[in-house]
Structure formats: structure tokens, C-alpha cells
Amino acid sequence: MKVAVAYKNGKVCEKFEDVVKFRVYNIDDGKIVSCMTVGINGEGTNAFTALLKHHDIDHLICGSMMEGVEEAATEKNVKIHNGASGKADDAVKAMLNGEL
């Protein structure tokens, strides 16, 4: 499973419109196996959709959503976990524990 976190300074980015990077986590057997930081190539929903497809994202963790982003993620069968805050790693662990 792959999880993308809207990322800024080690934390979940609170405003989706401020996102320029995502932290992508590879999860195996309920544990973080690896992660990497990736930038968005371009602007807007098309760039975001390309990132989801290129990295084969299953879950998205973010603070807030922009208009059109939720729809784009849903079309790609990505489960959204919005309203998150704090450290990106902690948000992923909370999601894995069913707390997000």
C-alpha cells in the first residue's frame, strides 16, 4: 500500500493550496517500509492527479482539501484522510492504527 501525505517542513501541510511536496510512504504488513519526498510537477488538479497515478497512491493524508482535489482523488480510488495535523510520520502511524 502507498500513502501520500501533503507535506511541509516535516509536518502535514494544513492548507492543500500551499502543498508543493508530498511524503510518499510504502506500507507493508501495517508498517512503514520506506518513504520519500516528491514534488508536484506543475500546478492544479492535473499535476496532483499525475502524482497519484505515477506513485500508485492508495491513501491521501492532508489537513484540508481544495475544490476539485477530493473529486480527483476519488476518481483514482484514493481514500482521503483529511483534517490531519502534526508530524507526517505520526499521521501515517495514526492512519495505520485506525485513528485518522
N, C-alpha and C. Protein backbone atom coordinates (compact mmCIF):
# COMPACT_ATOMS: atom_id res chain seq x y z
N MET A 1 0.85 -1.16 0.00
CA MET A 1 0.00 0.00 0.00
C MET A 1 0.90 1.23 0.00
N LYS A 2 0.44 2.29 -0.66
CA LYS A 2 1.18 3.55 -0.68
C LYS A 2 0.30 4.67 -0.13
N VAL A 3 0.92 5.49 0.70
CA VAL A 3 0.24 6.60 1.36
C VAL A 3 0.98 7.89 1.01
N ALA A 4 0.25 8.90 0.57
CA ALA A 4 0.84 10.21 0.31
C ALA A 4 0.36 11.18 1.39
N VAL A 5 1.28 11.96 1.92
CA VAL A 5 0.95 12.97 2.92
C VAL A 5 1.30 14.34 2.33
N ALA A 6 0.31 15.25 2.33
CA ALA A 6 0.59 16.64 1.96
C ALA A 6 1.62 17.14 2.96
N TYR A 7 2.77 17.61 2.48
CA TYR A 7 3.96 17.73 3.32
C TYR A 7 4.57 19.13 3.28
N LYS A 8 4.91 19.64 4.47
CA LYS A 8 5.61 20.92 4.57
C LYS A 8 6.39 20.95 5.88
N ASN A 9 7.70 21.09 5.78
CA ASN A 9 8.58 21.19 6.95
C ASN A 9 8.41 20.03 7.93
N GLY A 10 8.28 18.82 7.41
CA GLY A 10 8.18 17.63 8.26
C GLY A 10 6.81 17.35 8.82
N LYS A 11 5.86 18.22 8.49
CA LYS A 11 4.51 18.08 9.04
C LYS A 11 3.47 17.97 7.93
N VAL A 12 2.27 17.59 8.34
CA VAL A 12 1.14 17.59 7.41
C VAL A 12 0.86 19.05 7.07
N CYS A 13 0.81 19.37 5.80
CA CYS A 13 0.51 20.74 5.36
C CYS A 13 -0.97 21.02 5.63
N GLU A 14 -1.23 22.07 6.39
CA GLU A 14 -2.60 22.35 6.81
C GLU A 14 -3.50 22.83 5.68
N LYS A 15 -2.97 23.58 4.73
CA LYS A 15 -3.78 24.09 3.62
C LYS A 15 -3.32 23.43 2.33
N PHE A 16 -4.22 22.72 1.69
CA PHE A 16 -3.84 21.98 0.49
C PHE A 16 -3.31 22.91 -0.60
N GLU A 17 -3.83 24.13 -0.66
CA GLU A 17 -3.36 25.06 -1.70
C GLU A 17 -1.91 25.47 -1.50
N ASP A 18 -1.33 25.20 -0.33
CA ASP A 18 0.07 25.50 -0.06
C ASP A 18 1.00 24.32 -0.34
N VAL A 19 0.46 23.19 -0.72
CA VAL A 19 1.26 21.97 -0.91
C VAL A 19 2.11 22.07 -2.17
N VAL A 20 3.41 21.84 -2.01
CA VAL A 20 4.31 21.74 -3.16
C VAL A 20 5.06 20.40 -3.13
N LYS A 21 4.94 19.69 -1.98
CA LYS A 21 5.59 18.38 -1.85
C LYS A 21 4.66 17.41 -1.14
N PHE A 22 4.90 16.15 -1.42
CA PHE A 22 4.23 15.07 -0.71
C PHE A 22 5.28 14.12 -0.17
N ARG A 23 4.98 13.52 0.95
CA ARG A 23 5.81 12.45 1.50
C ARG A 23 5.08 11.17 1.14
N VAL A 24 5.73 10.29 0.39
CA VAL A 24 5.11 9.04 -0.07
C VAL A 24 5.70 7.89 0.74
N TYR A 25 4.81 7.14 1.39
CA TYR A 25 5.20 6.03 2.26
C TYR A 25 4.80 4.71 1.62
N ASN A 26 5.72 3.76 1.65
CA ASN A 26 5.41 2.38 1.27
C ASN A 26 5.12 1.62 2.55
N ILE A 27 3.96 0.98 2.58
CA ILE A 27 3.50 0.26 3.76
C ILE A 27 3.40 -1.23 3.42
N ASP A 28 3.94 -2.05 4.30
CA ASP A 28 3.83 -3.50 4.13
C ASP A 28 3.51 -4.11 5.48
N ASP A 29 2.51 -4.94 5.52
CA ASP A 29 2.10 -5.62 6.75
C ASP A 29 1.86 -4.63 7.89
N GLY A 30 1.25 -3.48 7.55
CA GLY A 30 0.89 -2.49 8.55
C GLY A 30 2.03 -1.66 9.10
N LYS A 31 3.20 -1.72 8.44
CA LYS A 31 4.37 -0.98 8.91
C LYS A 31 4.97 -0.16 7.78
N ILE A 32 5.56 0.98 8.15
CA ILE A 32 6.26 1.81 7.18
C ILE A 32 7.56 1.11 6.79
N VAL A 33 7.70 0.83 5.50
CA VAL A 33 8.89 0.16 4.98
C VAL A 33 9.89 1.18 4.44
N SER A 34 9.38 2.21 3.76
CA SER A 34 10.24 3.25 3.21
C SER A 34 9.39 4.49 2.95
N CYS A 35 10.08 5.60 2.73
CA CYS A 35 9.37 6.82 2.37
C CYS A 35 10.30 7.72 1.57
N MET A 36 9.71 8.63 0.81
CA MET A 36 10.47 9.59 0.03
C MET A 36 9.63 10.84 -0.14
N THR A 37 10.30 11.95 -0.34
CA THR A 37 9.62 13.21 -0.57
C THR A 37 9.64 13.49 -2.07
N VAL A 38 8.46 13.83 -2.61
CA VAL A 38 8.34 14.11 -4.04
C VAL A 38 7.64 15.45 -4.23
N GLY A 39 8.06 16.17 -5.24
CA GLY A 39 7.43 17.44 -5.58
C GLY A 39 6.34 17.23 -6.60
N ILE A 40 5.48 18.21 -6.69
CA ILE A 40 4.42 18.19 -7.70
C ILE A 40 5.01 18.81 -8.96
N ASN A 41 4.80 18.15 -10.08
CA ASN A 41 5.30 18.63 -11.36
C ASN A 41 4.21 19.47 -12.02
N GLY A 42 4.18 20.76 -11.77
CA GLY A 42 3.15 21.63 -12.32
C GLY A 42 2.23 22.14 -11.23
N GLU A 43 1.07 22.65 -11.66
CA GLU A 43 0.11 23.21 -10.72
C GLU A 43 -1.27 22.64 -10.98
N GLY A 44 -2.10 22.70 -9.95
CA GLY A 44 -3.51 22.36 -10.11
C GLY A 44 -3.81 20.88 -10.01
N THR A 45 -5.05 20.58 -10.28
CA THR A 45 -5.57 19.23 -10.13
C THR A 45 -4.90 18.24 -11.07
N ASN A 46 -4.57 18.66 -12.28
CA ASN A 46 -3.93 17.73 -13.23
C ASN A 46 -2.57 17.27 -12.72
N ALA A 47 -1.79 18.18 -12.15
CA ALA A 47 -0.49 17.80 -11.59
C ALA A 47 -0.66 16.86 -10.41
N PHE A 48 -1.65 17.13 -9.57
CA PHE A 48 -1.93 16.27 -8.42
C PHE A 48 -2.36 14.88 -8.89
N THR A 49 -3.24 14.81 -9.87
CA THR A 49 -3.70 13.53 -10.41
C THR A 49 -2.54 12.74 -11.00
N ALA A 50 -1.64 13.41 -11.69
CA ALA A 50 -0.46 12.74 -12.26
C ALA A 50 0.41 12.15 -11.16
N LEU A 51 0.56 12.87 -10.05
CA LEU A 51 1.34 12.36 -8.92
C LEU A 51 0.69 11.09 -8.35
N LEU A 52 -0.62 11.12 -8.17
CA LEU A 52 -1.33 9.94 -7.66
C LEU A 52 -1.12 8.73 -8.55
N LYS A 53 -1.23 8.95 -9.84
CA LYS A 53 -1.08 7.85 -10.80
C LYS A 53 0.36 7.36 -10.87
N HIS A 54 1.30 8.28 -10.96
CA HIS A 54 2.72 7.92 -11.11
C HIS A 54 3.22 7.10 -9.91
N HIS A 55 2.77 7.47 -8.71
CA HIS A 55 3.25 6.80 -7.50
C HIS A 55 2.27 5.74 -6.99
N ASP A 56 1.18 5.50 -7.74
CA ASP A 56 0.22 4.45 -7.41
C ASP A 56 -0.29 4.58 -5.96
N ILE A 57 -0.76 5.79 -5.61
CA ILE A 57 -1.18 6.12 -4.25
C ILE A 57 -2.54 5.48 -3.92
N ASP A 58 -2.63 4.90 -2.72
CA ASP A 58 -3.88 4.29 -2.23
C ASP A 58 -4.60 5.17 -1.22
N HIS A 59 -3.83 5.93 -0.42
CA HIS A 59 -4.39 6.79 0.64
C HIS A 59 -3.73 8.15 0.58
N LEU A 60 -4.52 9.19 0.89
CA LEU A 60 -4.02 10.55 0.96
C LEU A 60 -4.34 11.13 2.33
N ILE A 61 -3.31 11.65 3.00
CA ILE A 61 -3.48 12.31 4.30
C ILE A 61 -3.18 13.80 4.09
N CYS A 62 -4.11 14.64 4.56
CA CYS A 62 -3.93 16.07 4.39
C CYS A 62 -4.64 16.84 5.50
N GLY A 63 -4.34 18.14 5.58
CA GLY A 63 -5.01 18.98 6.56
C GLY A 63 -6.38 19.41 6.07
N SER A 64 -6.42 20.04 4.91
CA SER A 64 -7.68 20.47 4.31
C SER A 64 -7.64 20.15 2.82
N MET A 65 -8.79 20.23 2.19
CA MET A 65 -8.90 19.89 0.77
C MET A 65 -9.27 21.12 -0.05
N MET A 66 -8.78 21.17 -1.28
CA MET A 66 -9.18 22.21 -2.23
C MET A 66 -10.30 21.67 -3.08
N GLU A 67 -11.07 22.59 -3.64
CA GLU A 67 -12.14 22.20 -4.55
C GLU A 67 -11.54 21.42 -5.72
N GLY A 68 -12.12 20.32 -6.06
CA GLY A 68 -11.66 19.50 -7.17
C GLY A 68 -10.66 18.43 -6.78
N VAL A 69 -9.93 18.63 -5.71
CA VAL A 69 -8.91 17.66 -5.30
C VAL A 69 -9.56 16.38 -4.79
N GLU A 70 -10.57 16.52 -3.96
CA GLU A 70 -11.26 15.34 -3.43
C GLU A 70 -11.87 14.53 -4.56
N GLU A 71 -12.47 15.21 -5.51
CA GLU A 71 -13.07 14.54 -6.66
C GLU A 71 -12.01 13.80 -7.48
N ALA A 72 -10.87 14.46 -7.71
CA ALA A 72 -9.78 13.83 -8.48
C ALA A 72 -9.25 12.59 -7.77
N ALA A 73 -9.08 12.68 -6.46
CA ALA A 73 -8.58 11.53 -5.68
C ALA A 73 -9.59 10.39 -5.70
N THR A 74 -10.85 10.71 -5.54
CA THR A 74 -11.90 9.69 -5.54
C THR A 74 -11.96 8.97 -6.89
N GLU A 75 -11.80 9.72 -7.96
CA GLU A 75 -11.79 9.11 -9.30
C GLU A 75 -10.65 8.11 -9.46
N LYS A 76 -9.56 8.31 -8.73
CA LYS A 76 -8.41 7.40 -8.78
C LYS A 76 -8.49 6.33 -7.69
N ASN A 77 -9.64 6.24 -7.01
CA ASN A 77 -9.86 5.27 -5.92
C ASN A 77 -8.89 5.45 -4.76
N VAL A 78 -8.56 6.71 -4.47
CA VAL A 78 -7.69 7.04 -3.35
C VAL A 78 -8.57 7.38 -2.16
N LYS A 79 -8.30 6.75 -1.02
CA LYS A 79 -9.05 7.04 0.21
C LYS A 79 -8.45 8.28 0.85
N ILE A 80 -9.31 9.23 1.20
CA ILE A 80 -8.86 10.51 1.75
C ILE A 80 -9.02 10.54 3.26
N HIS A 81 -7.98 11.04 3.93
CA HIS A 81 -7.98 11.23 5.37
C HIS A 81 -7.64 12.70 5.60
N ASN A 82 -8.66 13.57 5.62
CA ASN A 82 -8.37 14.99 5.83
C ASN A 82 -8.61 15.39 7.27
N GLY A 83 -8.14 16.58 7.61
CA GLY A 83 -8.24 17.06 8.98
C GLY A 83 -7.04 16.66 9.83
N ALA A 84 -6.01 16.12 9.19
CA ALA A 84 -4.81 15.69 9.92
C ALA A 84 -3.92 16.89 10.22
N SER A 85 -3.09 16.74 11.25
CA SER A 85 -2.11 17.76 11.59
C SER A 85 -0.94 17.09 12.30
N GLY A 86 0.12 17.86 12.54
CA GLY A 86 1.28 17.33 13.24
C GLY A 86 2.29 16.71 12.30
N LYS A 87 3.19 15.92 12.86
CA LYS A 87 4.26 15.28 12.09
C LYS A 87 3.67 14.29 11.08
N ALA A 88 4.25 14.29 9.88
CA ALA A 88 3.77 13.42 8.81
C ALA A 88 3.87 11.95 9.21
N ASP A 89 5.00 11.55 9.80
CA ASP A 89 5.17 10.15 10.21
C ASP A 89 4.11 9.73 11.23
N ASP A 90 3.80 10.63 12.16
CA ASP A 90 2.79 10.33 13.17
C ASP A 90 1.41 10.19 12.56
N ALA A 91 1.11 11.00 11.54
CA ALA A 91 -0.18 10.92 10.86
C ALA A 91 -0.35 9.59 10.15
N VAL A 92 0.72 9.09 9.54
CA VAL A 92 0.67 7.79 8.86
C VAL A 92 0.45 6.68 9.89
N LYS A 93 1.17 6.75 10.99
CA LYS A 93 1.00 5.74 12.05
C LYS A 93 -0.42 5.77 12.60
N ALA A 94 -0.99 6.97 12.77
CA ALA A 94 -2.38 7.09 13.25
C ALA A 94 -3.34 6.47 12.26
N MET A 95 -3.12 6.70 10.96
CA MET A 95 -3.97 6.10 9.93
C MET A 95 -3.89 4.57 10.00
N LEU A 96 -2.68 4.06 10.13
CA LEU A 96 -2.49 2.61 10.19
C LEU A 96 -3.14 2.00 11.42
N ASN A 97 -3.26 2.77 12.50
CA ASN A 97 -3.89 2.31 13.73
C ASN A 97 -5.40 2.58 13.76
N GLY A 98 -5.93 3.11 12.63
CA GLY A 98 -7.36 3.39 12.56
C GLY A 98 -7.78 4.60 13.35
N GLU A 99 -6.84 5.50 13.64
CA GLU A 99 -7.11 6.68 14.46
C GLU A 99 -7.26 7.95 13.65
N LEU A 100 -7.27 7.84 12.34
CA LEU A 100 -7.36 9.03 11.50
C LEU A 100 -8.50 8.90 10.53
